Amino acid sequence: MNWLAVWVLAIVEGLTEFLPVSSTGHMILVSSLMGWKQTPLLELFEVFIQLGAILAVLTLYYPRFLRGPAIYFKLFVAFLPTGLVGFLAYQTIKQYLFNAVTVSISLVVGGVLLILLDRWSDRRESRHESIDSMPYSALLKVGLIQCISMIPGVSRAAATIFGGVSVGLSRVLAAELSFLLALPTMAAATGYDLLQQYDQIPADAWPMLLTGGLVAFGVALLAVKAFIVGIQKFGFKAFGYYRIFVGLLFLMAYVWGGWTLD
């Protein structure tokens, strides 16, 4: 773990956490590209920069949580399927699927689906004026679809957006639901990791951990604001093409370049 890794990974996390491109996938690919092996300190650092990204969304959307208890119940219902699957299968998924080959394939497949979603959403009318008006059955469906994002490279944001559009949300509302649903989903995952590893933090690592969290926080603030403006103007297809390009690039490096994607 060095300061180059601190800045690079924090910026990557802040840029990608709430975009439909898979932050976990990008972290795995960047670490593989740079030769940064997973160590206990690097895993702790990834937890801290995720916390920074969570705080960015909380800063932007905290008024939504002050309107009454309904939003908490709705987010809980949408979070429940992912929470259960994550609790039961996270360690198995992390052991067997957290590698760059899985990420690259998931990026390509997800990119194609995002392009199709963009065309599909153009022909669909929004059935819900707000997240508050969504029935619990629709929120449960979104939560079930979000479970697919446990596979690295799929993207939690992409899965949630796909689920939101499929139940009748507009592009912008689907994106906002993905932001709000990220809070319990990410808080549960990062909180669990932090509780397991907190006592392993070396005293001299705190400057790196806190710097990474602050950088991820600032970058995520800008990324979320830009994302909403971007999908209003251009839709999701640009992210789909980007995913396909990155996924194919890494796969070609693996197949023809002799690069080991582990």
Protein backbone atom coordinates (compact mmCIF):
# COMPACT_ATOMS: atom_id res chain seq x y z
CA MET A 1 0.00 0.00 0.00
CA ASN A 2 1.46 3.35 -1.06
CA TRP A 3 0.27 6.90 -1.69
CA LEU A 4 -0.13 6.29 -5.43
CA ALA A 5 -2.61 3.53 -4.63
CA VAL A 6 -4.39 5.82 -2.17
CA TRP A 7 -5.08 8.51 -4.76
CA VAL A 8 -5.76 6.25 -7.73
CA LEU A 9 -8.15 3.90 -5.92
CA ALA A 10 -9.96 6.72 -4.09
CA ILE A 11 -10.58 8.58 -7.35
CA VAL A 12 -11.72 5.39 -9.09
CA GLU A 13 -14.10 4.61 -6.22
CA GLY A 14 -15.56 8.11 -6.15
CA LEU A 15 -16.05 8.19 -9.92
CA THR A 16 -17.57 4.75 -10.33
CA GLU A 17 -19.48 3.86 -7.15
CA PHE A 18 -22.77 5.45 -8.21
CA LEU A 19 -22.40 5.09 -11.98
CA PRO A 20 -23.63 1.95 -13.78
CA VAL A 21 -20.11 0.77 -14.55
CA SER A 22 -19.23 -1.28 -11.41
CA SER A 23 -16.91 0.29 -8.86
CA THR A 24 -15.89 -3.13 -7.52
CA GLY A 25 -15.05 -4.26 -11.04
CA HIS A 26 -12.94 -1.18 -11.69
CA MET A 27 -11.12 -1.56 -8.39
CA ILE A 28 -10.28 -5.18 -9.25
CA LEU A 29 -9.14 -4.27 -12.78
CA VAL A 30 -7.05 -1.29 -11.65
CA SER A 31 -5.42 -3.28 -8.85
CA SER A 32 -4.68 -6.11 -11.28
CA LEU A 33 -3.27 -3.68 -13.86
CA MET A 34 -1.03 -1.96 -11.31
CA GLY A 35 0.04 -5.21 -9.66
CA TRP A 36 -1.47 -4.29 -6.29
CA LYS A 37 -2.23 -7.55 -4.50
CA GLN A 38 -5.08 -7.80 -2.00
CA THR A 39 -3.70 -7.36 1.51
CA PRO A 40 -5.56 -6.77 4.80
CA LEU A 41 -4.57 -3.08 4.64
CA LEU A 42 -5.81 -2.69 1.07
CA GLU A 43 -9.11 -4.33 1.99
CA LEU A 44 -9.48 -1.90 4.90
CA PHE A 45 -8.68 1.01 2.61
CA GLU A 46 -11.43 -0.07 0.20
CA VAL A 47 -13.87 -0.04 3.12
CA PHE A 48 -12.88 3.51 4.07
CA ILE A 49 -13.23 4.91 0.55
CA GLN A 50 -16.66 3.28 0.26
CA LEU A 51 -17.65 5.05 3.46
CA GLY A 52 -16.52 8.31 1.88
CA ALA A 53 -18.73 7.65 -1.14
CA ILE A 54 -21.70 6.81 1.12
CA LEU A 55 -21.32 10.12 2.93
CA ALA A 56 -21.34 11.95 -0.40
CA VAL A 57 -24.81 10.61 -1.27
CA LEU A 58 -26.03 11.20 2.28
CA THR A 59 -24.87 14.82 2.00
CA LEU A 60 -26.77 15.31 -1.27
CA TYR A 61 -29.97 13.46 -0.38
CA TYR A 62 -30.35 13.83 3.39
CA PRO A 63 -33.55 15.95 3.01
CA ARG A 64 -35.27 12.83 1.63
CA PHE A 65 -34.75 11.15 5.00
CA LEU A 66 -36.30 14.01 6.94
CA ARG A 67 -39.76 13.83 5.35
CA GLY A 68 -41.03 10.93 7.42
CA PRO A 69 -40.54 7.22 8.10
CA ALA A 70 -42.07 5.93 4.82
CA ILE A 71 -38.80 6.14 2.89
CA TYR A 72 -37.06 3.96 5.49
CA PHE A 73 -39.64 1.17 5.13
CA LYS A 74 -39.48 1.35 1.33
CA LEU A 75 -35.71 1.17 1.22
CA PHE A 76 -35.72 -1.68 3.73
CA VAL A 77 -38.02 -3.75 1.51
CA ALA A 78 -35.83 -3.09 -1.54
CA PHE A 79 -32.67 -3.84 0.42
CA LEU A 80 -33.92 -7.07 2.02
CA PRO A 81 -33.22 -9.51 -0.88
CA THR A 82 -29.67 -8.24 -1.38
CA GLY A 83 -29.04 -8.25 2.36
CA LEU A 84 -30.11 -11.88 2.67
CA VAL A 85 -28.18 -13.04 -0.40
CA GLY A 86 -25.12 -11.09 0.68
CA PHE A 87 -25.22 -12.57 4.18
CA LEU A 88 -25.54 -16.12 2.85
CA ALA A 89 -23.32 -16.04 -0.22
CA TYR A 90 -20.89 -13.08 -0.02
CA GLN A 91 -17.82 -15.04 1.08
CA THR A 92 -18.39 -17.72 -1.58
CA ILE A 93 -18.89 -15.11 -4.29
CA LYS A 94 -15.78 -13.22 -3.15
CA GLN A 95 -13.70 -16.39 -3.17
CA TYR A 96 -14.65 -17.63 -6.64
CA LEU A 97 -15.82 -14.61 -8.67
CA PHE A 98 -13.67 -11.69 -7.51
CA ASN A 99 -11.26 -11.80 -10.45
CA ALA A 100 -10.65 -9.68 -13.52
CA VAL A 101 -11.96 -12.28 -16.00
CA THR A 102 -15.38 -12.33 -14.32
CA VAL A 103 -15.37 -8.53 -14.17
CA SER A 104 -14.48 -8.14 -17.85
CA ILE A 105 -17.23 -10.50 -19.01
CA SER A 106 -19.76 -8.85 -16.69
CA LEU A 107 -18.81 -5.41 -18.02
CA VAL A 108 -19.45 -6.47 -21.61
CA VAL A 109 -22.75 -8.23 -20.91
CA GLY A 110 -23.93 -5.38 -18.69
CA GLY A 111 -22.94 -2.85 -21.33
CA VAL A 112 -25.11 -4.55 -23.95
CA LEU A 113 -28.02 -4.63 -21.51
CA LEU A 114 -27.61 -0.92 -20.71
CA ILE A 115 -27.79 -0.02 -24.41
CA LEU A 116 -30.94 -2.12 -24.77
CA LEU A 117 -32.35 -0.55 -21.58
CA ASP A 118 -31.76 2.90 -23.01
CA ARG A 119 -33.79 2.06 -26.12
CA TRP A 120 -36.46 0.33 -24.06
CA SER A 121 -36.85 3.25 -21.66
CA ASP A 122 -37.48 5.59 -24.61
CA ARG A 123 -40.64 3.61 -25.42
CA ARG A 124 -41.92 3.18 -21.86
CA GLU A 125 -44.06 5.64 -19.96
CA SER A 126 -43.26 6.33 -16.32
CA ARG A 127 -45.86 4.70 -14.05
CA HIS A 128 -44.67 6.34 -10.84
CA GLU A 129 -44.33 10.05 -10.18
CA SER A 130 -41.95 9.53 -7.28
CA ILE A 131 -40.21 6.84 -5.28
CA ASP A 132 -42.70 7.51 -2.47
CA SER A 133 -45.58 6.42 -4.73
CA MET A 134 -44.01 3.05 -5.57
CA PRO A 135 -45.82 0.00 -4.15
CA TYR A 136 -43.84 -2.39 -2.00
CA SER A 137 -44.16 -5.12 -4.62
CA ALA A 138 -42.28 -2.95 -7.14
CA LEU A 139 -39.57 -2.19 -4.59
CA LEU A 140 -39.19 -5.88 -3.81
CA LYS A 141 -38.74 -6.60 -7.52
CA VAL A 142 -36.00 -3.96 -7.71
CA GLY A 143 -34.33 -5.56 -4.71
CA LEU A 144 -34.42 -9.00 -6.32
CA ILE A 145 -32.85 -7.67 -9.50
CA GLN A 146 -30.19 -5.88 -7.44
CA CYS A 147 -29.05 -9.28 -6.12
CA ILE A 148 -27.39 -9.89 -9.50
CA SER A 149 -24.95 -7.12 -8.64
CA MET A 150 -23.27 -9.44 -6.13
CA ILE A 151 -21.34 -10.66 -9.18
CA PRO A 152 -18.38 -8.27 -9.57
CA GLY A 153 -18.57 -6.22 -12.74
CA VAL A 154 -22.36 -6.25 -12.93
CA SER A 155 -22.69 -2.96 -10.95
CA ARG A 156 -25.12 -2.37 -8.13
CA ALA A 157 -26.16 0.93 -9.71
CA ALA A 158 -26.78 -0.67 -13.11
CA ALA A 159 -28.85 -3.50 -11.62
CA THR A 160 -30.91 -1.08 -9.52
CA ILE A 161 -31.47 1.26 -12.47
CA PHE A 162 -32.52 -1.66 -14.64
CA GLY A 163 -34.94 -2.78 -11.94
CA GLY A 164 -36.29 0.73 -11.47
CA VAL A 165 -36.99 1.25 -15.17
CA SER A 166 -38.55 -2.22 -15.43
CA VAL A 167 -41.14 -1.34 -12.75
CA GLY A 168 -42.03 1.98 -14.36
CA LEU A 169 -39.62 4.62 -13.08
CA SER A 170 -38.19 7.31 -15.32
CA ARG A 171 -34.42 7.31 -15.94
CA VAL A 172 -33.80 10.03 -13.39
CA LEU A 173 -36.00 8.45 -10.71
CA ALA A 174 -34.37 5.06 -11.31
CA ALA A 175 -30.96 6.69 -10.85
CA GLU A 176 -32.10 8.43 -7.66
CA LEU A 177 -33.48 5.15 -6.30
CA SER A 178 -30.07 3.57 -6.96
CA PHE A 179 -28.42 6.36 -4.94
CA LEU A 180 -30.81 6.02 -2.01
CA LEU A 181 -30.73 2.23 -2.02
CA ALA A 182 -26.95 2.36 -2.03
CA LEU A 183 -26.99 3.73 1.51
CA PRO A 184 -28.34 0.65 3.36
CA THR A 185 -26.71 -1.76 0.91
CA MET A 186 -23.23 -0.25 1.13
CA ALA A 187 -23.52 0.60 4.83
CA ALA A 188 -24.31 -3.03 5.64
CA ALA A 189 -21.43 -4.38 3.55
CA THR A 190 -18.83 -1.85 4.67
CA GLY A 191 -20.00 -1.96 8.28
CA TYR A 192 -19.64 -5.75 8.33
CA ASP A 193 -16.13 -5.56 6.84
CA LEU A 194 -15.10 -2.77 9.18
CA LEU A 195 -16.24 -4.65 12.29
CA GLN A 196 -14.25 -7.68 11.20
CA GLN A 197 -11.04 -5.78 10.42
CA TYR A 198 -11.07 -2.63 12.56
CA ASP A 199 -8.71 -4.00 15.19
CA GLN A 200 -6.15 -4.77 12.46
CA ILE A 201 -5.59 -1.12 11.46
CA PRO A 202 -1.92 -0.12 12.01
CA ALA A 203 -1.47 3.27 13.67
CA ASP A 204 0.59 4.61 10.75
CA ALA A 205 -2.14 3.68 8.22
CA TRP A 206 -4.68 6.26 9.41
CA PRO A 207 -3.40 9.14 7.24
CA MET A 208 -3.82 7.00 4.11
CA LEU A 209 -7.24 5.71 5.15
CA LEU A 210 -8.64 9.15 6.00
CA THR A 211 -7.15 10.78 2.90
CA GLY A 212 -8.68 8.08 0.71
CA GLY A 213 -12.08 8.54 2.32
CA LEU A 214 -12.00 12.32 1.83
CA VAL A 215 -10.91 12.04 -1.82
CA ALA A 216 -13.63 9.47 -2.55
CA PHE A 217 -16.18 11.74 -0.85
CA GLY A 218 -15.29 14.78 -2.98
CA VAL A 219 -15.10 12.89 -6.26
CA ALA A 220 -18.39 11.05 -5.59
CA LEU A 221 -20.18 14.36 -4.95
CA LEU A 222 -19.18 15.60 -8.39
CA ALA A 223 -19.86 12.27 -10.08
CA VAL A 224 -23.43 11.96 -8.76
CA LYS A 225 -24.32 15.50 -9.86
CA ALA A 226 -22.80 14.99 -13.31
CA PHE A 227 -24.53 11.61 -13.71
CA ILE A 228 -28.02 13.06 -13.27
CA VAL A 229 -27.31 15.78 -15.85
CA GLY A 230 -25.74 13.22 -18.19
CA ILE A 231 -28.61 10.74 -18.27
CA GLN A 232 -31.11 13.54 -18.87
CA LYS A 233 -29.18 14.55 -21.99
CA PHE A 234 -27.68 11.31 -23.25
CA GLY A 235 -29.38 8.39 -21.47
CA PHE A 236 -27.53 5.23 -20.42
CA LYS A 237 -26.04 4.17 -23.75
CA ALA A 238 -22.74 6.03 -23.27
CA PHE A 239 -22.11 3.97 -20.12
CA GLY A 240 -23.02 0.83 -22.05
CA TYR A 241 -20.47 1.54 -24.78
CA TYR A 242 -17.85 2.39 -22.16
CA ARG A 243 -18.44 -0.91 -20.34
CA ILE A 244 -18.14 -2.91 -23.56
CA PHE A 245 -14.92 -1.12 -24.53
CA VAL A 246 -13.25 -1.64 -21.14
CA GLY A 247 -14.40 -5.22 -20.81
CA LEU A 248 -13.21 -6.20 -24.30
CA LEU A 249 -9.92 -4.37 -23.80
CA PHE A 250 -9.07 -6.37 -20.70
CA LEU A 251 -10.28 -9.63 -22.24
CA MET A 252 -8.09 -9.08 -25.32
CA ALA A 253 -5.14 -8.36 -23.04
CA TYR A 254 -5.84 -11.67 -21.34
CA VAL A 255 -6.38 -13.78 -24.48
CA TRP A 256 -3.78 -12.29 -26.83
CA GLY A 257 -1.51 -10.26 -24.60
CA GLY A 258 -0.57 -12.98 -22.18
CA TRP A 259 -1.67 -10.85 -19.22
CA THR A 260 -2.77 -12.81 -16.18
CA LEU A 261 -6.10 -11.47 -14.96
CA ASP A 262 -6.24 -12.68 -11.37
